[in-house]
Amino acid sequence: MDSKQRFSIDFDEWSNLARRDAEGFEARRRAMLDSFIKAQPAERRHRLRCLQWRVDRVREHSSTPLLACQRLYHLMWDNFAGPAGLTQALAGGLPQVRNAPRSARILPFRRPDVV
């Protein structure tokens, strides 16, 4: 059986399980994640376990599933486009600017008169 079939998810089945049996859903979710991580090449497993640990901590410390989703969304974007993220790694890292000025002249802006 190939990995796409083995790790495919029937949304309705999982949704019904979550409604009927939250503990059973969680046990099955963990088993599937563990199985998926074990099926990956050895050099990726540690990083995947660390990532799953981080996702689990975000879920634990969020008061609602929506808040967990929002936090995980921001975490994903930080890892994609933030400092030391994927886009920076693909670009070979950002060059250091050595001669950048340490200070700048601050321009005063006048507040328009409020009527």
PDB file of N, CA and C in Angstrom:
ATOM      1  N   MET A   1       0.846  -1.179   0.000  1.00  0.00           N
ATOM      2  CA  MET A   1       0.000   0.000   0.000  1.00  0.00           C
ATOM      3  C   MET A   1       0.889   1.240   0.000  1.00  0.00           C
ATOM      4  N   ASP A   2       0.651   2.193  -0.905  1.00  0.00           N
ATOM      5  CA  ASP A   2       1.503   3.377  -0.943  1.00  0.00           C
ATOM      6  C   ASP A   2       1.109   4.359   0.155  1.00  0.00           C
ATOM      7  N   SER A   3       2.004   5.332   0.413  1.00  0.00           N
ATOM      8  CA  SER A   3       1.791   6.240   1.540  1.00  0.00           C
ATOM      9  C   SER A   3       0.568   7.129   1.361  1.00  0.00           C
ATOM     10  N   LYS A   4       0.181   7.454   0.117  1.00  0.00           N
ATOM     11  CA  LYS A   4      -1.009   8.285  -0.082  1.00  0.00           C
ATOM     12  C   LYS A   4      -2.252   7.552   0.385  1.00  0.00           C
ATOM     13  N   GLN A   5      -2.359   6.265   0.079  1.00  0.00           N
ATOM     14  CA  GLN A   5      -3.524   5.503   0.524  1.00  0.00           C
ATOM     15  C   GLN A   5      -3.492   5.286   2.030  1.00  0.00           C
ATOM     16  N   ARG A   6      -2.339   4.949   2.555  1.00  0.00           N
ATOM     17  CA  ARG A   6      -2.228   4.624   3.968  1.00  0.00           C
ATOM     18  C   ARG A   6      -2.534   5.829   4.849  1.00  0.00           C
ATOM     19  N   PHE A   7      -2.203   7.022   4.387  1.00  0.00           N
ATOM     20  CA  PHE A   7      -2.379   8.205   5.217  1.00  0.00           C
ATOM     21  C   PHE A   7      -3.503   9.122   4.725  1.00  0.00           C
ATOM     22  N   SER A   8      -4.364   8.599   3.866  1.00  0.00           N
ATOM     23  CA  SER A   8      -5.488   9.425   3.436  1.00  0.00           C
ATOM     24  C   SER A   8      -6.493   9.518   4.587  1.00  0.00           C
ATOM     25  N   ILE A   9      -7.222  10.607   4.594  1.00  0.00           N
ATOM     26  CA  ILE A   9      -8.161  10.865   5.686  1.00  0.00           C
ATOM     27  C   ILE A   9      -9.558  11.059   5.112  1.00  0.00           C
ATOM     28  N   ASP A  10     -10.492  10.319   5.637  1.00  0.00           N
ATOM     29  CA  ASP A  10     -11.899  10.493   5.285  1.00  0.00           C
ATOM     30  C   ASP A  10     -12.470  11.504   6.274  1.00  0.00           C
ATOM     31  N   PHE A  11     -12.691  12.724   5.802  1.00  0.00           N
ATOM     32  CA  PHE A  11     -13.107  13.806   6.684  1.00  0.00           C
ATOM     33  C   PHE A  11     -14.368  13.465   7.466  1.00  0.00           C
ATOM     34  N   ASP A  12     -15.374  12.931   6.785  1.00  0.00           N
ATOM     35  CA  ASP A  12     -16.633  12.624   7.470  1.00  0.00           C
ATOM     36  C   ASP A  12     -16.431  11.591   8.575  1.00  0.00           C
ATOM     37  N   GLU A  13     -15.637  10.582   8.295  1.00  0.00           N
ATOM     38  CA  GLU A  13     -15.365   9.550   9.297  1.00  0.00           C
ATOM     39  C   GLU A  13     -14.670  10.147  10.521  1.00  0.00           C
ATOM     40  N   TRP A  14     -13.662  10.960  10.286  1.00  0.00           N
ATOM     41  CA  TRP A  14     -12.928  11.581  11.395  1.00  0.00           C
ATOM     42  C   TRP A  14     -13.815  12.573  12.149  1.00  0.00           C
ATOM     43  N   SER A  15     -14.628  13.316  11.427  1.00  0.00           N
ATOM     44  CA  SER A  15     -15.524  14.281  12.056  1.00  0.00           C
ATOM     45  C   SER A  15     -16.538  13.566  12.960  1.00  0.00           C
ATOM     46  N   ASN A  16     -17.107  12.485  12.463  1.00  0.00           N
ATOM     47  CA  ASN A  16     -18.056  11.707  13.277  1.00  0.00           C
ATOM     48  C   ASN A  16     -17.380  11.129  14.512  1.00  0.00           C
ATOM     49  N   LEU A  17     -16.168  10.613  14.338  1.00  0.00           N
ATOM     50  CA  LEU A  17     -15.426  10.065  15.473  1.00  0.00           C
ATOM     51  C   LEU A  17     -15.172  11.149  16.517  1.00  0.00           C
ATOM     52  N   ALA A  18     -14.794  12.335  16.083  1.00  0.00           N
ATOM     53  CA  ALA A  18     -14.517  13.436  17.018  1.00  0.00           C
ATOM     54  C   ALA A  18     -15.771  13.810  17.810  1.00  0.00           C
ATOM     55  N   ARG A  19     -16.924  13.798  17.148  1.00  0.00           N
ATOM     56  CA  ARG A  19     -18.177  14.117  17.839  1.00  0.00           C
ATOM     57  C   ARG A  19     -18.586  13.021  18.809  1.00  0.00           C
ATOM     58  N   ARG A  20     -18.442  11.754  18.385  1.00  0.00           N
ATOM     59  CA  ARG A  20     -18.875  10.610  19.193  1.00  0.00           C
ATOM     60  C   ARG A  20     -17.922  10.297  20.336  1.00  0.00           C
ATOM     61  N   ASP A  21     -16.616  10.341  20.048  1.00  0.00           N
ATOM     62  CA  ASP A  21     -15.628   9.828  20.997  1.00  0.00           C
ATOM     63  C   ASP A  21     -14.341  10.651  20.901  1.00  0.00           C
ATOM     64  N   ALA A  22     -14.288  11.738  21.676  1.00  0.00           N
ATOM     65  CA  ALA A  22     -13.134  12.642  21.618  1.00  0.00           C
ATOM     66  C   ALA A  22     -11.827  11.926  21.971  1.00  0.00           C
ATOM     67  N   GLU A  23     -11.869  11.057  22.973  1.00  0.00           N
ATOM     68  CA  GLU A  23     -10.653  10.334  23.364  1.00  0.00           C
ATOM     69  C   GLU A  23     -10.222   9.351  22.287  1.00  0.00           C
ATOM     70  N   GLY A  24     -11.179   8.677  21.683  1.00  0.00           N
ATOM     71  CA  GLY A  24     -10.873   7.765  20.585  1.00  0.00           C
ATOM     72  C   GLY A  24     -10.297   8.506  19.393  1.00  0.00           C
ATOM     73  N   PHE A  25     -10.859   9.679  19.102  1.00  0.00           N
ATOM     74  CA  PHE A  25     -10.344  10.512  18.024  1.00  0.00           C
ATOM     75  C   PHE A  25      -8.894  10.881  18.285  1.00  0.00           C
ATOM     76  N   GLU A  26      -8.624  11.344  19.514  1.00  0.00           N
ATOM     77  CA  GLU A  26      -7.262  11.761  19.869  1.00  0.00           C
ATOM     78  C   GLU A  26      -6.286  10.590  19.779  1.00  0.00           C
ATOM     79  N   ALA A  27      -6.696   9.420  20.255  1.00  0.00           N
ATOM     80  CA  ALA A  27      -5.824   8.238  20.183  1.00  0.00           C
ATOM     81  C   ALA A  27      -5.535   7.861  18.730  1.00  0.00           C
ATOM     82  N   ARG A  28      -6.550   7.910  17.901  1.00  0.00           N
ATOM     83  CA  ARG A  28      -6.368   7.575  16.483  1.00  0.00           C
ATOM     84  C   ARG A  28      -5.506   8.623  15.772  1.00  0.00           C
ATOM     85  N   ARG A  29      -5.710   9.895  16.124  1.00  0.00           N
ATOM     86  CA  ARG A  29      -4.908  10.979  15.548  1.00  0.00           C
ATOM     87  C   ARG A  29      -3.436  10.787  15.883  1.00  0.00           C
ATOM     88  N   ARG A  30      -3.165  10.499  17.160  1.00  0.00           N
ATOM     89  CA  ARG A  30      -1.766  10.293  17.577  1.00  0.00           C
ATOM     90  C   ARG A  30      -1.162   9.072  16.888  1.00  0.00           C
ATOM     91  N   ALA A  31      -1.922   8.004  16.782  1.00  0.00           N
ATOM     92  CA  ALA A  31      -1.426   6.789  16.132  1.00  0.00           C
ATOM     93  C   ALA A  31      -1.100   7.056  14.667  1.00  0.00           C
ATOM     94  N   MET A  32      -1.957   7.805  13.999  1.00  0.00           N
ATOM     95  CA  MET A  32      -1.705   8.106  12.585  1.00  0.00           C
ATOM     96  C   MET A  32      -0.469   8.997  12.432  1.00  0.00           C
ATOM     97  N   LEU A  33      -0.335  10.001  13.305  1.00  0.00           N
ATOM     98  CA  LEU A  33       0.839  10.870  13.242  1.00  0.00           C
ATOM     99  C   LEU A  33       2.116  10.084  13.510  1.00  0.00           C
ATOM    100  N   ASP A  34       2.096   9.224  14.530  1.00  0.00           N
ATOM    101  CA  ASP A  34       3.270   8.402  14.827  1.00  0.00           C
ATOM    102  C   ASP A  34       3.615   7.496  13.653  1.00  0.00           C
ATOM    103  N   SER A  35       2.614   6.894  13.053  1.00  0.00           N
ATOM    104  CA  SER A  35       2.823   6.020  11.905  1.00  0.00           C
ATOM    105  C   SER A  35       3.412   6.791  10.734  1.00  0.00           C
ATOM    106  N   PHE A  36       2.898   7.992  10.496  1.00  0.00           N
ATOM    107  CA  PHE A  36       3.409   8.824   9.409  1.00  0.00           C
ATOM    108  C   PHE A  36       4.872   9.186   9.646  1.00  0.00           C
ATOM    109  N   ILE A  37       5.203   9.606  10.871  1.00  0.00           N
ATOM    110  CA  ILE A  37       6.579   9.998  11.181  1.00  0.00           C
ATOM    111  C   ILE A  37       7.520   8.800  11.037  1.00  0.00           C
ATOM    112  N   LYS A  38       7.097   7.632  11.510  1.00  0.00           N
ATOM    113  CA  LYS A  38       7.937   6.431  11.395  1.00  0.00           C
ATOM    114  C   LYS A  38       8.158   6.016   9.946  1.00  0.00           C
ATOM    115  N   ALA A  39       7.237   6.365   9.056  1.00  0.00           N
ATOM    116  CA  ALA A  39       7.358   6.002   7.648  1.00  0.00           C
ATOM    117  C   ALA A  39       8.298   6.932   6.876  1.00  0.00           C
ATOM    118  N   GLN A  40       8.739   8.007   7.515  1.00  0.00           N
ATOM    119  CA  GLN A  40       9.611   8.970   6.850  1.00  0.00           C
ATOM    120  C   GLN A  40      11.071   8.527   6.956  1.00  0.00           C
ATOM    121  N   PRO A  41      11.923   9.050   6.076  1.00  0.00           N
ATOM    122  CA  PRO A  41      13.351   8.728   6.164  1.00  0.00           C
ATOM    123  C   PRO A  41      13.918   9.122   7.528  1.00  0.00           C
ATOM    124  N   ALA A  42      14.867   8.357   8.002  1.00  0.00           N
ATOM    125  CA  ALA A  42      15.427   8.541   9.346  1.00  0.00           C
ATOM    126  C   ALA A  42      15.911   9.965   9.596  1.00  0.00           C
ATOM    127  N   GLU A  43      16.492  10.592   8.571  1.00  0.00           N
ATOM    128  CA  GLU A  43      17.043  11.941   8.782  1.00  0.00           C
ATOM    129  C   GLU A  43      15.958  13.000   8.984  1.00  0.00           C
ATOM    130  N   ARG A  44      14.703  12.685   8.705  1.00  0.00           N
ATOM    131  CA  ARG A  44      13.602  13.643   8.892  1.00  0.00           C
ATOM    132  C   ARG A  44      12.820  13.412  10.177  1.00  0.00           C
ATOM    133  N   ARG A  45      12.918  12.249  10.744  1.00  0.00           N
ATOM    134  CA  ARG A  45      12.047  11.888  11.875  1.00  0.00           C
ATOM    135  C   ARG A  45      12.195  12.807  13.086  1.00  0.00           C
ATOM    136  N   HIS A  46      13.419  13.111  13.451  1.00  0.00           N
ATOM    137  CA  HIS A  46      13.632  13.945  14.639  1.00  0.00           C
ATOM    138  C   HIS A  46      12.980  15.308  14.459  1.00  0.00           C
ATOM    139  N   ARG A  47      13.190  15.915  13.309  1.00  0.00           N
ATOM    140  CA  ARG A  47      12.601  17.233  13.051  1.00  0.00           C
ATOM    141  C   ARG A  47      11.068  17.166  13.056  1.00  0.00           C
ATOM    142  N   LEU A  48      10.505  16.107  12.473  1.00  0.00           N
ATOM    143  CA  LEU A  48       9.050  15.950  12.475  1.00  0.00           C
ATOM    144  C   LEU A  48       8.507  15.758  13.886  1.00  0.00           C
ATOM    145  N   ARG A  49       9.216  14.981  14.709  1.00  0.00           N
ATOM    146  CA  ARG A  49       8.776  14.806  16.106  1.00  0.00           C
ATOM    147  C   ARG A  49       8.815  16.128  16.851  1.00  0.00           C
ATOM    148  N   CYS A  50       9.864  16.913  16.614  1.00  0.00           N
ATOM    149  CA  CYS A  50       9.962  18.229  17.263  1.00  0.00           C
ATOM    150  C   CYS A  50       8.837  19.147  16.807  1.00  0.00           C
ATOM    151  N   LEU A  51       8.548  19.125  15.532  1.00  0.00           N
ATOM    152  CA  LEU A  51       7.466  19.944  15.006  1.00  0.00           C
ATOM    153  C   LEU A  51       6.123  19.516  15.599  1.00  0.00           C
ATOM    154  N   GLN A  52       5.882  18.217  15.681  1.00  0.00           N
ATOM    155  CA  GLN A  52       4.619  17.739  16.251  1.00  0.00           C
ATOM    156  C   GLN A  52       4.523  18.090  17.727  1.00  0.00           C
ATOM    157  N   TRP A  53       5.642  18.029  18.440  1.00  0.00           N
ATOM    158  CA  TRP A  53       5.662  18.421  19.845  1.00  0.00           C
ATOM    159  C   TRP A  53       5.251  19.887  19.970  1.00  0.00           C
ATOM    160  N   ARG A  54       5.794  20.721  19.093  1.00  0.00           N
ATOM    161  CA  ARG A  54       5.471  22.148  19.139  1.00  0.00           C
ATOM    162  C   ARG A  54       3.994  22.391  18.821  1.00  0.00           C
ATOM    163  N   VAL A  55       3.476  21.709  17.823  1.00  0.00           N
ATOM    164  CA  VAL A  55       2.054  21.834  17.479  1.00  0.00           C
ATOM    165  C   VAL A  55       1.191  21.412  18.668  1.00  0.00           C
ATOM    166  N   ASP A  56       1.554  20.315  19.303  1.00  0.00           N
ATOM    167  CA  ASP A  56       0.781  19.840  20.462  1.00  0.00           C
ATOM    168  C   ASP A  56       0.803  20.854  21.602  1.00  0.00           C
ATOM    169  N   ARG A  57       1.966  21.504  21.841  1.00  0.00           N
ATOM    170  CA  ARG A  57       2.037  22.499  22.913  1.00  0.00           C
ATOM    171  C   ARG A  57       1.166  23.703  22.585  1.00  0.00           C
ATOM    172  N   VAL A  58       1.165  24.142  21.328  1.00  0.00           N
ATOM    173  CA  VAL A  58       0.307  25.265  20.937  1.00  0.00           C
ATOM    174  C   VAL A  58      -1.155  24.891  21.180  1.00  0.00           C
ATOM    175  N   ARG A  59      -1.545  23.687  20.791  1.00  0.00           N
ATOM    176  CA  ARG A  59      -2.928  23.250  20.992  1.00  0.00           C
ATOM    177  C   ARG A  59      -3.278  23.195  22.478  1.00  0.00           C
ATOM    178  N   GLU A  60      -2.348  22.686  23.302  1.00  0.00           N
ATOM    179  CA  GLU A  60      -2.595  22.588  24.751  1.00  0.00           C
ATOM    180  C   GLU A  60      -2.793  23.951  25.405  1.00  0.00           C
ATOM    181  N   HIS A  61      -2.010  24.933  24.960  1.00  0.00           N
ATOM    182  CA  HIS A  61      -2.023  26.240  25.607  1.00  0.00           C
ATOM    183  C   HIS A  61      -2.994  27.228  24.963  1.00  0.00           C
ATOM    184  N   SER A  62      -3.813  26.770  24.064  1.00  0.00           N
ATOM    185  CA  SER A  62      -4.819  27.628  23.437  1.00  0.00           C
ATOM    186  C   SER A  62      -6.175  27.313  24.046  1.00  0.00           C
ATOM    187  N   SER A  63      -6.914  28.363  24.356  1.00  0.00           N
ATOM    188  CA  SER A  63      -8.189  28.166  25.042  1.00  0.00           C
ATOM    189  C   SER A  63      -9.292  27.629  24.131  1.00  0.00           C
ATOM    190  N   THR A  64      -9.138  27.817  22.822  1.00  0.00           N
ATOM    191  CA  THR A  64     -10.141  27.310  21.884  1.00  0.00           C
ATOM    192  C   THR A  64      -9.435  26.725  20.655  1.00  0.00           C
ATOM    193  N   PRO A  65     -10.097  25.832  19.940  1.00  0.00           N
ATOM    194  CA  PRO A  65      -9.500  25.315  18.702  1.00  0.00           C
ATOM    195  C   PRO A  65      -9.223  26.416  17.678  1.00  0.00           C
ATOM    196  N   LEU A  66     -10.082  27.435  17.624  1.00  0.00           N
ATOM    197  CA  LEU A  66      -9.850  28.525  16.675  1.00  0.00           C
ATOM    198  C   LEU A  66      -8.579  29.296  17.016  1.00  0.00           C
ATOM    199  N   LEU A  67      -8.352  29.542  18.292  1.00  0.00           N
ATOM    200  CA  LEU A  67      -7.132  30.231  18.717  1.00  0.00           C
ATOM    201  C   LEU A  67      -5.900  29.389  18.385  1.00  0.00           C
ATOM    202  N   ALA A  68      -5.999  28.086  18.602  1.00  0.00           N
ATOM    203  CA  ALA A  68      -4.882  27.191  18.247  1.00  0.00           C
ATOM    204  C   ALA A  68      -4.609  27.265  16.753  1.00  0.00           C
ATOM    205  N   CYS A  69      -5.661  27.266  15.962  1.00  0.00           N
ATOM    206  CA  CYS A  69      -5.522  27.349  14.510  1.00  0.00           C
ATOM    207  C   CYS A  69      -4.832  28.651  14.104  1.00  0.00           C
ATOM    208  N   GLN A  70      -5.236  29.759  14.708  1.00  0.00           N
ATOM    209  CA  GLN A  70      -4.627  31.047  14.387  1.00  0.00           C
ATOM    210  C   GLN A  70      -3.148  31.065  14.770  1.00  0.00           C
ATOM    211  N   ARG A  71      -2.833  30.537  15.939  1.00  0.00           N
ATOM    212  CA  ARG A  71      -1.433  30.513  16.383  1.00  0.00           C
ATOM    213  C   ARG A  71      -0.581  29.622  15.476  1.00  0.00           C
ATOM    214  N   LEU A  72      -1.132  28.483  15.073  1.00  0.00           N
ATOM    215  CA  LEU A  72      -0.393  27.588  14.179  1.00  0.00           C
ATOM    216  C   LEU A  72      -0.224  28.212  12.800  1.00  0.00           C
ATOM    217  N   TYR A  73      -1.218  28.962  12.348  1.00  0.00           N
ATOM    218  CA  TYR A  73      -1.137  29.674  11.080  1.00  0.00           C
ATOM    219  C   TYR A  73       0.037  30.664  11.111  1.00  0.00           C
ATOM    220  N   HIS A  74       0.136  31.446  12.191  1.00  0.00           N
ATOM    221  CA  HIS A  74       1.227  32.415  12.315  1.00  0.00           C
ATOM    222  C   HIS A  74       2.579  31.712  12.447  1.00  0.00           C
ATOM    223  N   LEU A  75       2.601  30.615  13.156  1.00  0.00           N
ATOM    224  CA  LEU A  75       3.831  29.833  13.283  1.00  0.00           C
ATOM    225  C   LEU A  75       4.294  29.345  11.907  1.00  0.00           C
ATOM    226  N   MET A  76       3.352  28.872  11.092  1.00  0.00           N
ATOM    227  CA  MET A  76       3.679  28.406   9.753  1.00  0.00           C
ATOM    228  C   MET A  76       4.271  29.542   8.921  1.00  0.00           C
ATOM    229  N   TRP A  77       3.639  30.702   8.934  1.00  0.00           N
ATOM    230  CA  TRP A  77       4.143  31.822   8.142  1.00  0.00           C
ATOM    231  C   TRP A  77       5.488  32.308   8.647  1.00  0.00           C
ATOM    232  N   ASP A  78       5.700  32.308   9.967  1.00  0.00           N
ATOM    233  CA  ASP A  78       7.010  32.689  10.503  1.00  0.00           C
ATOM    234  C   ASP A  78       8.092  31.738  10.007  1.00  0.00           C
ATOM    235  N   ASN A  79       7.771  30.458   9.965  1.00  0.00           N
ATOM    236  CA  ASN A  79       8.755  29.479   9.502  1.00  0.00           C
ATOM    237  C   ASN A  79       8.947  29.515   7.990  1.00  0.00           C
ATOM    238  N   PHE A  80       7.995  30.091   7.293  1.00  0.00           N
ATOM    239  CA  PHE A  80       8.114  30.208   5.845  1.00  0.00           C
ATOM    240  C   PHE A  80       8.816  31.500   5.453  1.00  0.00           C
ATOM    241  N   ALA A  81       8.335  32.626   5.966  1.00  0.00           N
ATOM    242  CA  ALA A  81       8.822  33.913   5.494  1.00  0.00           C
ATOM    243  C   ALA A  81       9.565  34.725   6.552  1.00  0.00           C
ATOM    244  N   GLY A  82       9.615  34.247   7.779  1.00  0.00           N
ATOM    245  CA  GLY A  82      10.272  34.998   8.842  1.00  0.00           C
ATOM    246  C   GLY A  82      11.780  34.842   8.806  1.00  0.00           C
ATOM    247  N   PRO A  83      12.458  35.436   9.789  1.00  0.00           N
ATOM    248  CA  PRO A  83      13.913  35.301   9.863  1.00  0.00           C
ATOM    249  C   PRO A  83      14.289  33.823   9.976  1.00  0.00           C
ATOM    250  N   ALA A  84      15.256  33.419   9.223  1.00  0.00           N
ATOM    251  CA  ALA A  84      15.705  32.017   9.173  1.00  0.00           C
ATOM    252  C   ALA A  84      14.612  31.092   8.670  1.00  0.00           C
ATOM    253  N   GLY A  85      13.655  31.629   7.926  1.00  0.00           N
ATOM    254  CA  GLY A  85      12.578  30.825   7.364  1.00  0.00           C
ATOM    255  C   GLY A  85      12.975  30.186   6.045  1.00  0.00           C
ATOM    256  N   LEU A  86      12.032  29.472   5.467  1.00  0.00           N
ATOM    257  CA  LEU A  86      12.280  28.753   4.227  1.00  0.00           C
ATOM    258  C   LEU A  86      12.692  29.678   3.085  1.00  0.00           C
ATOM    259  N   THR A  87      12.001  30.803   2.937  1.00  0.00           N
ATOM    260  CA  THR A  87      12.331  31.693   1.818  1.00  0.00           C
ATOM    261  C   THR A  87      13.750  32.219   1.932  1.00  0.00           C
ATOM    262  N   GLN A  88      14.199  32.501   3.134  1.00  0.00           N
ATOM    263  CA  GLN A  88      15.571  32.973   3.326  1.00  0.00           C
ATOM    264  C   GLN A  88      16.564  31.849   3.029  1.00  0.00           C
ATOM    265  N   ALA A  89      16.238  30.635   3.467  1.00  0.00           N
ATOM    266  CA  ALA A  89      17.131  29.505   3.217  1.00  0.00           C
ATOM    267  C   ALA A  89      17.244  29.220   1.724  1.00  0.00           C
ATOM    268  N   LEU A  90      16.125  29.304   1.000  1.00  0.00           N
ATOM    269  CA  LEU A  90      16.156  29.062  -0.437  1.00  0.00           C
ATOM    270  C   LEU A  90      16.929  30.138  -1.185  1.00  0.00           C
ATOM    271  N   ALA A  91      16.913  31.349  -0.653  1.00  0.00           N
ATOM    272  CA  ALA A  91      17.621  32.453  -1.292  1.00  0.00           C
ATOM    273  C   ALA A  91      19.096  32.465  -0.903  1.00  0.00           C
ATOM    274  N   GLY A  92      19.520  31.519  -0.088  1.00  0.00           N
ATOM    275  CA  GLY A  92      20.918  31.473   0.330  1.00  0.00           C
ATOM    276  C   GLY A  92      21.229  32.413   1.479  1.00  0.00           C
ATOM    277  N   GLY A  93      20.221  32.853   2.163  1.00  0.00           N
ATOM    278  CA  GLY A  93      20.414  33.756   3.290  1.00  0.00           C
ATOM    279  C   GLY A  93      20.487  35.186   2.806  1.00  0.00           C
ATOM    280  N   LEU A  94      20.094  36.079   3.656  1.00  0.00           N
ATOM    281  CA  LEU A  94      20.148  37.485   3.308  1.00  0.00           C
ATOM    282  C   LEU A  94      21.542  38.023   3.582  1.00  0.00           C
ATOM    283  N   PRO A  95      22.077  38.801   2.659  1.00  0.00           N
ATOM    284  CA  PRO A  95      23.420  39.349   2.897  1.00  0.00           C
ATOM    285  C   PRO A  95      23.398  40.348   4.045  1.00  0.00           C
ATOM    286  N   GLN A  96      24.453  40.361   4.790  1.00  0.00           N
ATOM    287  CA  GLN A  96      24.578  41.320   5.878  1.00  0.00           C
ATOM    288  C   GLN A  96      24.945  42.685   5.308  1.00  0.00           C
ATOM    289  N   VAL A  97      24.290  43.709   5.775  1.00  0.00           N
ATOM    290  CA  VAL A  97      24.614  45.064   5.350  1.00  0.00           C
ATOM    291  C   VAL A  97      25.625  45.611   6.348  1.00  0.00           C
ATOM    292  N   ARG A  98      26.861  45.765   5.898  1.00  0.00           N
ATOM    293  CA  ARG A  98      27.928  46.162   6.818  1.00  0.00           C
ATOM    294  C   ARG A  98      28.027  47.673   6.989  1.00  0.00           C
ATOM    295  N   ASN A  99      27.720  48.433   5.985  1.00  0.00           N
ATOM    296  CA  ASN A  99      27.905  49.878   6.068  1.00  0.00           C
ATOM    297  C   ASN A  99      26.584  50.634   6.251  1.00  0.00           C
ATOM    298  N   ALA A 100      25.618  49.993   6.817  1.00  0.00           N
ATOM    299  CA  ALA A 100      24.336  50.653   7.042  1.00  0.00           C
ATOM    300  C   ALA A 100      24.495  51.726   8.111  1.00  0.00           C
ATOM    301  N   PRO A 101      23.854  52.872   7.924  1.00  0.00           N
ATOM    302  CA  PRO A 101      23.968  53.923   8.940  1.00  0.00           C
ATOM    303  C   PRO A 101      23.352  53.472  10.257  1.00  0.00           C
ATOM    304  N   ARG A 102      23.971  53.913  11.345  1.00  0.00           N
ATOM    305  CA  ARG A 102      23.497  53.538  12.682  1.00  0.00           C
ATOM    306  C   ARG A 102      22.394  54.480  13.170  1.00  0.00           C
ATOM    307  N   SER A 103      22.280  55.639  12.544  1.00  0.00           N
ATOM    308  CA  SER A 103      21.240  56.575  12.954  1.00  0.00           C
ATOM    309  C   SER A 103      20.729  57.302  11.713  1.00  0.00           C
ATOM    310  N   ALA A 104      19.646  57.996  11.904  1.00  0.00           N
ATOM    311  CA  ALA A 104      19.051  58.738  10.796  1.00  0.00           C
ATOM    312  C   ALA A 104      18.416  60.005  11.348  1.00  0.00           C
ATOM    313  N   ARG A 105      18.256  60.983  10.472  1.00  0.00           N
ATOM    314  CA  ARG A 105      17.606  62.223  10.873  1.00  0.00           C
ATOM    315  C   ARG A 105      16.102  61.970  10.903  1.00  0.00           C
ATOM    316  N   ILE A 106      15.461  62.348  11.977  1.00  0.00           N
ATOM    317  CA  ILE A 106      14.020  62.148  12.125  1.00  0.00           C
ATOM    318  C   ILE A 106      13.310  63.397  11.634  1.00  0.00           C
ATOM    319  N   LEU A 107      12.391  63.210  10.738  1.00  0.00           N
ATOM    320  CA  LEU A 107      11.643  64.325  10.165  1.00  0.00           C
ATOM    321  C   LEU A 107      10.415  64.626  11.007  1.00  0.00           C
ATOM    322  N   PRO A 108      10.222  65.891  11.332  1.00  0.00           N
ATOM    323  CA  PRO A 108       9.004  66.242  12.084  1.00  0.00           C
ATOM    324  C   PRO A 108       7.817  66.327  11.135  1.00  0.00           C
ATOM    325  N   PHE A 109       6.722  65.785  11.532  1.00  0.00           N
ATOM    326  CA  PHE A 109       5.481  65.890  10.774  1.00  0.00           C
ATOM    327  C   PHE A 109       4.500  66.674  11.624  1.00  0.00           C
ATOM    328  N   ARG A 110       3.914  67.671  11.006  1.00  0.00           N
ATOM    329  CA  ARG A 110       2.937  68.478  11.726  1.00  0.00           C
ATOM    330  C   ARG A 110       1.590  67.819  11.641  1.00  0.00           C
ATOM    331  N   ARG A 111       0.903  67.853  12.705  1.00  0.00           N
ATOM    332  CA  ARG A 111      -0.442  67.315  12.754  1.00  0.00           C
ATOM    333  C   ARG A 111      -1.406  68.303  12.119  1.00  0.00           C
ATOM    334  N   PRO A 112      -2.222  67.827  11.202  1.00  0.00           N
ATOM    335  CA  PRO A 112      -3.172  68.770  10.585  1.00  0.00           C
ATOM    336  C   PRO A 112      -4.188  69.265  11.614  1.00  0.00           C
ATOM    337  N   ASP A 113      -4.588  70.499  11.435  1.00  0.00           N
ATOM    338  CA  ASP A 113      -5.589  71.060  12.356  1.00  0.00           C
ATOM    339  C   ASP A 113      -6.897  70.294  12.231  1.00  0.00           C
ATOM    340  N   VAL A 114      -7.455  69.926  13.342  1.00  0.00           N
ATOM    341  CA  VAL A 114      -8.707  69.204  13.365  1.00  0.00           C
ATOM    342  C   VAL A 114      -9.842  70.226  13.475  1.00  0.00           C
ATOM    343  N   VAL A 115     -10.836  70.088  12.609  1.00  0.00           N
ATOM    344  CA  VAL A 115     -11.940  71.052  12.597  1.00  0.00           C
ATOM    345  C   VAL A 115     -12.961  70.677  13.635  1.00  0.00           C
TER     346      VAL A 115
END
